Protein backbone atom coordinates (compact mmCIF):
# COMPACT_ATOMS: atom_id res chain seq x y z
CA UNK A 1 22.03 13.83 -0.62
CA UNK A 2 20.42 15.60 -3.55
CA UNK A 3 20.03 19.35 -3.33
CA UNK A 4 17.12 20.64 -5.33
CA UNK A 5 15.04 23.75 -5.72
CA UNK A 6 11.48 24.52 -6.51
CA UNK A 7 8.23 23.28 -5.13
CA UNK A 8 4.63 24.16 -5.90
CA UNK A 9 1.80 22.56 -4.01
CA UNK A 10 -1.92 23.00 -4.29
CA UNK A 11 -3.43 21.06 -1.42
CA UNK A 12 -7.02 19.98 -0.91
CA UNK A 13 -8.05 17.65 1.89
CA UNK A 14 -11.33 15.96 2.63
CA UNK A 15 -11.47 16.90 6.32
CA UNK A 16 -10.16 19.75 8.41
CA UNK A 17 -8.10 19.63 11.57
CA UNK A 18 -11.10 20.93 13.50
CA UNK A 19 -12.89 17.64 12.83
CA UNK A 20 -9.93 15.46 13.85
CA UNK A 21 -10.69 15.10 17.56
CA UNK A 22 -14.32 13.92 17.23
CA UNK A 23 -13.23 11.51 14.50
CA UNK A 24 -10.54 10.22 16.82
CA UNK A 25 -13.04 9.71 19.62
CA UNK A 26 -15.40 7.90 17.25
CA UNK A 27 -12.64 5.65 15.93
CA UNK A 28 -11.74 4.53 19.42
CA UNK A 29 -15.27 3.16 19.83
CA UNK A 30 -15.17 1.09 16.64
CA UNK A 31 -13.90 -2.42 16.12
CA UNK A 32 -10.47 -2.99 14.62
CA UNK A 33 -10.36 -1.55 11.10
CA UNK A 34 -8.41 -3.73 8.68
CA UNK A 35 -7.16 -2.08 5.47
CA UNK A 36 -5.70 -4.38 2.81
CA UNK A 37 -3.17 -3.09 0.29
CA UNK A 38 -0.75 -4.57 -2.26
CA UNK A 39 2.17 -2.46 -3.52
CA UNK A 40 5.62 -2.70 -5.05
CA UNK A 41 7.49 -0.44 -2.62
CA UNK A 42 8.92 -1.35 0.81
CA UNK A 43 6.41 -0.95 3.61
CA UNK A 44 8.49 1.88 5.13
CA UNK A 45 8.31 3.99 1.93
CA UNK A 46 7.58 7.67 2.75
CA UNK A 47 4.25 7.77 0.91
CA UNK A 48 2.96 4.77 2.86
CA UNK A 49 4.14 6.44 6.06
CA UNK A 50 2.15 9.52 5.09
CA UNK A 51 -0.98 7.40 4.76
CA UNK A 52 -0.45 5.99 8.26
CA UNK A 53 0.18 9.49 9.62
CA UNK A 54 -3.12 10.74 8.26
CA UNK A 55 -4.95 7.67 9.56
CA UNK A 56 -3.55 8.42 13.01
CA UNK A 57 -4.78 12.01 12.72
CA UNK A 58 -8.23 10.61 11.96
CA UNK A 59 -8.13 8.51 15.11
CA UNK A 60 -6.87 5.19 13.77
CA UNK A 61 -3.78 4.03 15.64
CA UNK A 62 -2.04 1.07 14.03
CA UNK A 63 -2.07 -1.89 16.42
CA UNK A 64 -4.86 -0.45 18.57
CA UNK A 65 -7.91 0.03 16.38
CA UNK A 66 -6.38 -0.21 12.91
CA UNK A 67 -4.39 -2.79 10.94
CA UNK A 68 -2.52 -1.89 7.76
CA UNK A 69 -2.39 -5.30 6.12
CA UNK A 70 0.29 -4.82 3.47
CA UNK A 71 1.73 -7.28 0.96
CA UNK A 72 4.69 -6.27 -1.18
CA UNK A 73 4.78 -7.77 -4.64
CA UNK A 74 7.94 -7.76 -6.80
CA UNK A 75 6.09 -6.84 -9.98
CA UNK A 76 2.71 -6.20 -11.56
CA UNK A 77 2.15 -9.89 -12.24
CA UNK A 78 1.90 -10.49 -8.50
CA UNK A 79 -1.18 -8.32 -7.92
CA UNK A 80 -3.77 -11.02 -8.61
CA UNK A 81 -2.28 -13.58 -6.23
CA UNK A 82 -1.54 -11.01 -3.52
CA UNK A 83 -5.01 -9.45 -3.50
CA UNK A 84 -6.56 -12.91 -3.27
CA UNK A 85 -4.31 -13.56 -0.27
CA UNK A 86 -5.49 -10.30 1.27
CA UNK A 87 -9.13 -11.18 0.65
CA UNK A 88 -8.65 -14.35 2.72
CA UNK A 89 -7.68 -12.13 5.66
CA UNK A 90 -11.04 -10.34 5.37
CA UNK A 91 -10.10 -6.64 5.23
CA UNK A 92 -12.86 -4.08 5.73
CA UNK A 93 -11.52 -1.76 3.02
CA UNK A 94 -9.20 -2.48 0.11
CA UNK A 95 -6.68 0.10 -1.10
CA UNK A 96 -5.54 -0.01 -4.75
CA UNK A 97 -2.86 2.38 -5.93
CA UNK A 98 -1.08 3.25 -9.13
CA UNK A 99 -1.89 1.21 -12.18
CA UNK A 100 -4.87 -0.43 -13.79
CA UNK A 101 -3.79 -4.03 -12.98
CA UNK A 102 -3.81 -3.13 -9.26
CA UNK A 103 -7.42 -1.94 -9.36
CA UNK A 104 -8.46 -4.83 -11.59
CA UNK A 105 -6.95 -7.35 -9.15
CA UNK A 106 -8.56 -5.64 -6.16
CA UNK A 107 -11.96 -5.67 -7.84
CA UNK A 108 -11.63 -9.36 -8.62
CA UNK A 109 -10.75 -10.23 -5.02
CA UNK A 110 -12.88 -7.78 -3.03
CA UNK A 111 -16.23 -9.55 -3.55
CA UNK A 112 -18.12 -6.28 -3.31
CA UNK A 113 -16.23 -4.81 -0.36
CA UNK A 114 -15.32 -1.12 -0.68
CA UNK A 115 -12.17 -0.11 -2.56
CA UNK A 116 -10.42 3.24 -2.29
CA UNK A 117 -8.09 3.86 -5.21
CA UNK A 118 -5.38 6.24 -6.32
CA UNK A 119 -5.47 6.06 -10.11
CA UNK A 120 -1.95 7.30 -10.75
CA UNK A 121 -1.29 6.26 -14.35
CA UNK A 122 -4.72 5.54 -15.83
CA UNK A 123 -8.12 7.23 -16.08
CA UNK A 124 -10.76 5.12 -14.28
CA UNK A 125 -13.59 6.88 -16.11
CA UNK A 126 -12.13 6.39 -19.58
CA UNK A 127 -11.35 2.76 -18.74
CA UNK A 128 -14.91 2.10 -17.60
CA UNK A 129 -14.30 1.36 -13.92
CA UNK A 130 -16.72 4.07 -12.80
CA UNK A 131 -19.97 5.39 -14.22
CA UNK A 132 -19.04 9.05 -13.67
CA UNK A 133 -16.95 11.16 -11.33
CA UNK A 134 -19.73 12.48 -9.13
CA UNK A 135 -21.49 9.12 -8.59
CA UNK A 136 -19.02 6.37 -9.50
CA UNK A 137 -21.39 3.47 -8.80
CA UNK A 138 -20.24 0.04 -7.74
CA UNK A 139 -17.81 -0.47 -4.88
CA UNK A 140 -14.93 1.82 -5.92
CA UNK A 141 -14.10 5.48 -5.37
CA UNK A 142 -11.00 7.55 -4.85
CA UNK A 143 -8.64 10.02 -6.49
CA UNK A 144 -7.09 10.15 -9.93
CA UNK A 145 -4.48 12.18 -11.74
CA UNK A 146 -4.77 13.25 -15.38
CA UNK A 147 -1.46 11.65 -16.21
CA UNK A 148 -1.78 11.93 -20.00
CA UNK A 149 -1.90 15.71 -19.73
CA UNK A 150 1.07 15.70 -17.37
CA UNK A 151 3.09 13.56 -19.80
CA UNK A 152 2.65 16.25 -22.47
CA UNK A 153 3.50 18.97 -19.96
CA UNK A 154 6.85 17.30 -19.16
CA UNK A 155 7.79 17.62 -22.82
CA UNK A 156 7.00 21.34 -22.67
CA UNK A 157 9.27 21.60 -19.64
CA UNK A 158 12.01 19.75 -21.52
CA UNK A 159 11.69 22.22 -24.42
CA UNK A 160 11.91 25.18 -22.06
CA UNK A 161 14.85 23.78 -20.09
CA UNK A 162 16.75 22.71 -23.24
CA UNK A 163 15.85 25.22 -25.97
CA UNK A 164 18.60 23.89 -28.28
CA UNK A 165 17.47 20.28 -28.07
CA UNK A 166 16.51 18.64 -31.36
CA UNK A 167 15.05 15.45 -29.95
CA UNK A 168 13.63 14.10 -26.73
CA UNK A 169 13.79 10.54 -25.46
CA UNK A 170 10.48 9.15 -24.23
CA UNK A 171 10.78 6.17 -21.92
CA UNK A 172 7.78 3.86 -21.52
CA UNK A 173 6.79 0.31 -20.68
CA UNK A 174 3.58 -1.65 -21.16
CA UNK A 175 1.73 0.22 -18.42
CA UNK A 176 2.86 3.70 -19.49
CA UNK A 177 2.44 3.35 -23.26
CA UNK A 178 -0.41 5.89 -23.37
CA UNK A 179 1.79 8.43 -21.57
CA UNK A 180 4.50 7.75 -24.15
CA UNK A 181 2.12 8.34 -27.04
CA UNK A 182 0.93 11.63 -25.50
CA UNK A 183 4.51 12.78 -24.93
CA UNK A 184 5.48 11.90 -28.51
CA UNK A 185 2.57 13.92 -29.90
CA UNK A 186 3.53 16.90 -27.73
CA UNK A 187 7.16 16.63 -28.88
CA UNK A 188 6.22 16.77 -32.55
CA UNK A 189 4.05 19.83 -31.96
CA UNK A 190 7.06 21.55 -30.34
CA UNK A 191 9.41 20.67 -33.19
CA UNK A 192 11.24 17.92 -31.28
CA UNK A 193 11.93 14.48 -32.69
CA UNK A 194 10.45 11.92 -30.27
CA UNK A 195 12.73 8.93 -29.72
CA UNK A 196 10.75 6.13 -28.14
CA UNK A 197 12.72 4.20 -25.51
CA UNK A 198 10.82 1.05 -24.61
CA UNK A 199 11.79 -0.69 -21.39
CA UNK A 200 10.93 -4.34 -22.03
CA UNK A 201 12.81 -5.88 -19.14
CA UNK A 202 12.89 -4.47 -15.63
CA UNK A 203 16.57 -5.35 -15.34
CA UNK A 204 17.71 -3.97 -18.71
CA UNK A 205 17.64 -0.22 -18.18
CA UNK A 206 21.19 0.23 -19.45
CA UNK A 207 20.27 -1.59 -22.65
CA UNK A 208 17.09 0.40 -23.13
CA UNK A 209 18.77 3.75 -22.55
CA UNK A 210 21.56 2.71 -24.91
CA UNK A 211 19.26 3.84 -27.72
CA UNK A 212 20.14 7.38 -26.59
CA UNK A 213 23.91 6.87 -26.87
CA UNK A 214 24.14 8.93 -30.07
CA UNK A 215 22.11 11.73 -28.49
CA UNK A 216 23.83 12.34 -25.19
CA UNK A 217 22.91 15.67 -23.68
CA UNK A 218 19.42 15.48 -25.15
CA UNK A 219 16.69 15.13 -22.49
CA UNK A 220 14.57 12.08 -21.75
CA UNK A 221 11.09 11.90 -20.22
CA UNK A 222 10.43 9.31 -17.48
CA UNK A 223 6.76 8.39 -17.04
CA UNK A 224 4.66 7.63 -14.01
CA UNK A 225 4.82 3.87 -13.57
CA UNK A 226 5.61 1.34 -10.85
CA UNK A 227 8.98 0.16 -12.15
CA UNK A 228 10.16 3.71 -12.81
CA UNK A 229 9.42 4.52 -9.19
CA UNK A 230 10.69 1.28 -7.66
CA UNK A 231 13.96 1.20 -9.63
CA UNK A 232 14.58 4.95 -9.58
CA UNK A 233 18.16 4.69 -8.24
CA UNK A 234 19.23 2.22 -10.94
CA UNK A 235 17.54 4.31 -13.62
CA UNK A 236 19.14 7.55 -12.39
CA UNK A 237 22.59 5.95 -12.37
CA UNK A 238 22.18 4.53 -15.89
CA UNK A 239 21.18 7.96 -17.21
CA UNK A 240 23.92 9.83 -15.35
CA UNK A 241 26.55 7.48 -16.77
CA UNK A 242 25.31 8.41 -20.24
CA UNK A 243 25.04 12.10 -19.34
CA UNK A 244 21.34 12.15 -20.22
CA UNK A 245 19.24 14.72 -18.31
CA UNK A 246 15.84 13.38 -17.26
CA UNK A 247 12.46 14.96 -16.58
CA UNK A 248 10.58 12.56 -14.32
CA UNK A 249 7.03 12.18 -13.05
CA UNK A 250 7.98 11.41 -9.48
CA UNK A 251 9.59 13.56 -6.81
CA UNK A 252 11.29 10.37 -5.63
CA UNK A 253 13.08 10.08 -9.00
CA UNK A 254 14.43 13.57 -8.48
CA UNK A 255 15.75 12.63 -5.06
CA UNK A 256 17.44 9.59 -6.65
CA UNK A 257 19.23 11.72 -9.27
CA UNK A 258 16.83 12.84 -12.01
CA UNK A 259 17.39 16.43 -13.10
CA UNK A 260 13.80 17.70 -12.99
CA UNK A 261 10.55 16.35 -11.64
CA UNK A 262 7.10 17.56 -12.56
CA UNK A 263 3.93 15.80 -11.58
CA UNK A 264 1.68 14.94 -8.71
CA UNK A 265 2.80 14.81 -5.10
CA UNK A 266 2.63 11.07 -4.37
CA UNK A 267 3.13 11.52 -0.66
CA UNK A 268 0.30 14.03 -0.54
CA UNK A 269 -1.99 11.69 -2.47
CA UNK A 270 -1.47 8.95 0.09
CA UNK A 271 -2.28 11.48 2.81
CA UNK A 272 -5.51 12.41 1.03
CA UNK A 273 -6.72 8.87 0.32
CA UNK A 274 -6.78 8.14 4.05
CA UNK A 275 -9.87 10.35 4.33
CA UNK A 276 -11.63 8.13 1.82
CA UNK A 277 -10.69 5.06 3.83
CA UNK A 278 -11.97 6.69 7.02
CA UNK A 279 -15.32 7.52 5.41
CA UNK A 280 -15.70 4.03 3.95
CA UNK A 281 -14.91 2.54 7.34
CA UNK A 282 -17.69 4.68 8.80
CA UNK A 283 -20.23 3.19 6.40
CA UNK A 284 -20.21 5.61 3.48
CA UNK A 285 -21.13 4.02 0.15
CA UNK A 286 -18.35 4.25 -2.46
CA UNK A 287 -21.00 4.51 -5.19
CA UNK A 288 -22.08 7.88 -3.76
CA UNK A 289 -18.62 9.30 -2.98
CA UNK A 290 -17.39 11.68 -5.70
CA UNK A 291 -14.02 10.92 -7.27
CA UNK A 292 -11.52 13.72 -6.78
CA UNK A 293 -9.10 14.90 -9.46
CA UNK A 294 -6.00 15.62 -7.46
CA UNK A 295 -4.85 19.25 -7.23
CA UNK A 296 -1.45 18.29 -5.78
CA UNK A 297 1.59 19.04 -7.92
CA UNK A 298 5.30 19.08 -7.32
CA UNK A 299 8.02 20.64 -9.46
CA UNK A 300 11.71 20.73 -8.61
CA UNK A 301 15.25 20.82 -10.00
CA UNK A 302 18.11 18.74 -8.63
CA UNK A 303 21.10 21.12 -8.52
CA UNK A 304 23.58 18.36 -7.73
CA UNK A 305 22.57 16.49 -10.88
CA UNK A 306 22.71 19.70 -12.89
CA UNK A 307 26.31 20.20 -11.73
CA UNK A 308 27.26 16.59 -12.53
CA UNK A 309 25.82 16.92 -16.03
CA UNK A 310 27.22 20.40 -16.61
CA UNK A 311 23.71 21.69 -17.26
CA UNK A 312 23.04 25.40 -16.86
CA UNK A 313 19.34 26.15 -16.62
CA UNK A 314 18.03 29.60 -17.45
CA UNK A 315 17.14 32.06 -14.72
CA UNK A 316 13.62 32.20 -16.13
CA UNK A 317 13.24 28.44 -15.76
CA UNK A 318 14.61 28.47 -12.23
CA UNK A 319 12.25 31.32 -11.32
CA UNK A 320 9.33 29.18 -12.50
CA UNK A 321 10.47 26.50 -10.10
CA UNK A 322 9.80 29.02 -7.32
CA UNK A 323 13.30 28.99 -5.82
CA UNK A 324 12.32 27.14 -2.64
CA UNK A 325 15.21 25.19 -1.15
CA UNK A 326 14.68 21.98 0.76
């Protein structure tokens, strides 16, 4: 089990505990709520469990007055087919999480039904899915993370953690290319040579990371993206074998063996989006529901990985990580 230190959370929820019991009583009076969702993780993944926990707090007990209709797809290409399959089951609310193809597929299948989204690795405003953040218009609303800014911040963390580094690897795939470009620009500003590491095949991580073989000991940035989350154990092992320290977007990558994680708290985001689902189920119009920019962040260092790599981080850096053991 990984031992890691450091955690900073800034938590904002859409409903307080004081309102939980009347919401619960109201939910019991309603018909069965069916929420449809397509994802790439196993149904028992901790962030999905957090969503169900919050739904229960809001009065929706799975199997009693709430159905979490989940379809797992092996890759991004499966979103279109899977959301069409969900639409045939007639969910009341669609949930779309992560990447732009997920939201695009949900929009195509929903036929105007409300969609709650977590825009994890794209900006729904910049991409034109919403009119503005305060009144999104249409049938979508939700939460998004400014992932481009976070990608640049991870490079700053790499520079601070490895002050003698001369280059930084920047992993990316088709969905995370914009994060890669932002990280590369940040690297150049900090005097680091950006080495772009494109992952073209989901099964060829060893081959992709082989481009860092002549730079072992130099850090690599792992972006927010579905395959980097899903295949985190394989990715961590491939990097450890090459003695490459990684700074990842996801807490889950850290738990799988990445050295540092800095980014949003995915589990917390799933907790928060449940409040959107509850409001949509109660008849709120997504067009009038403001889109939140998530204030949840998580930063940590995996001490076991640091020991395996022989990495000694500065006391100043560790102090920034807040020295909270878990």
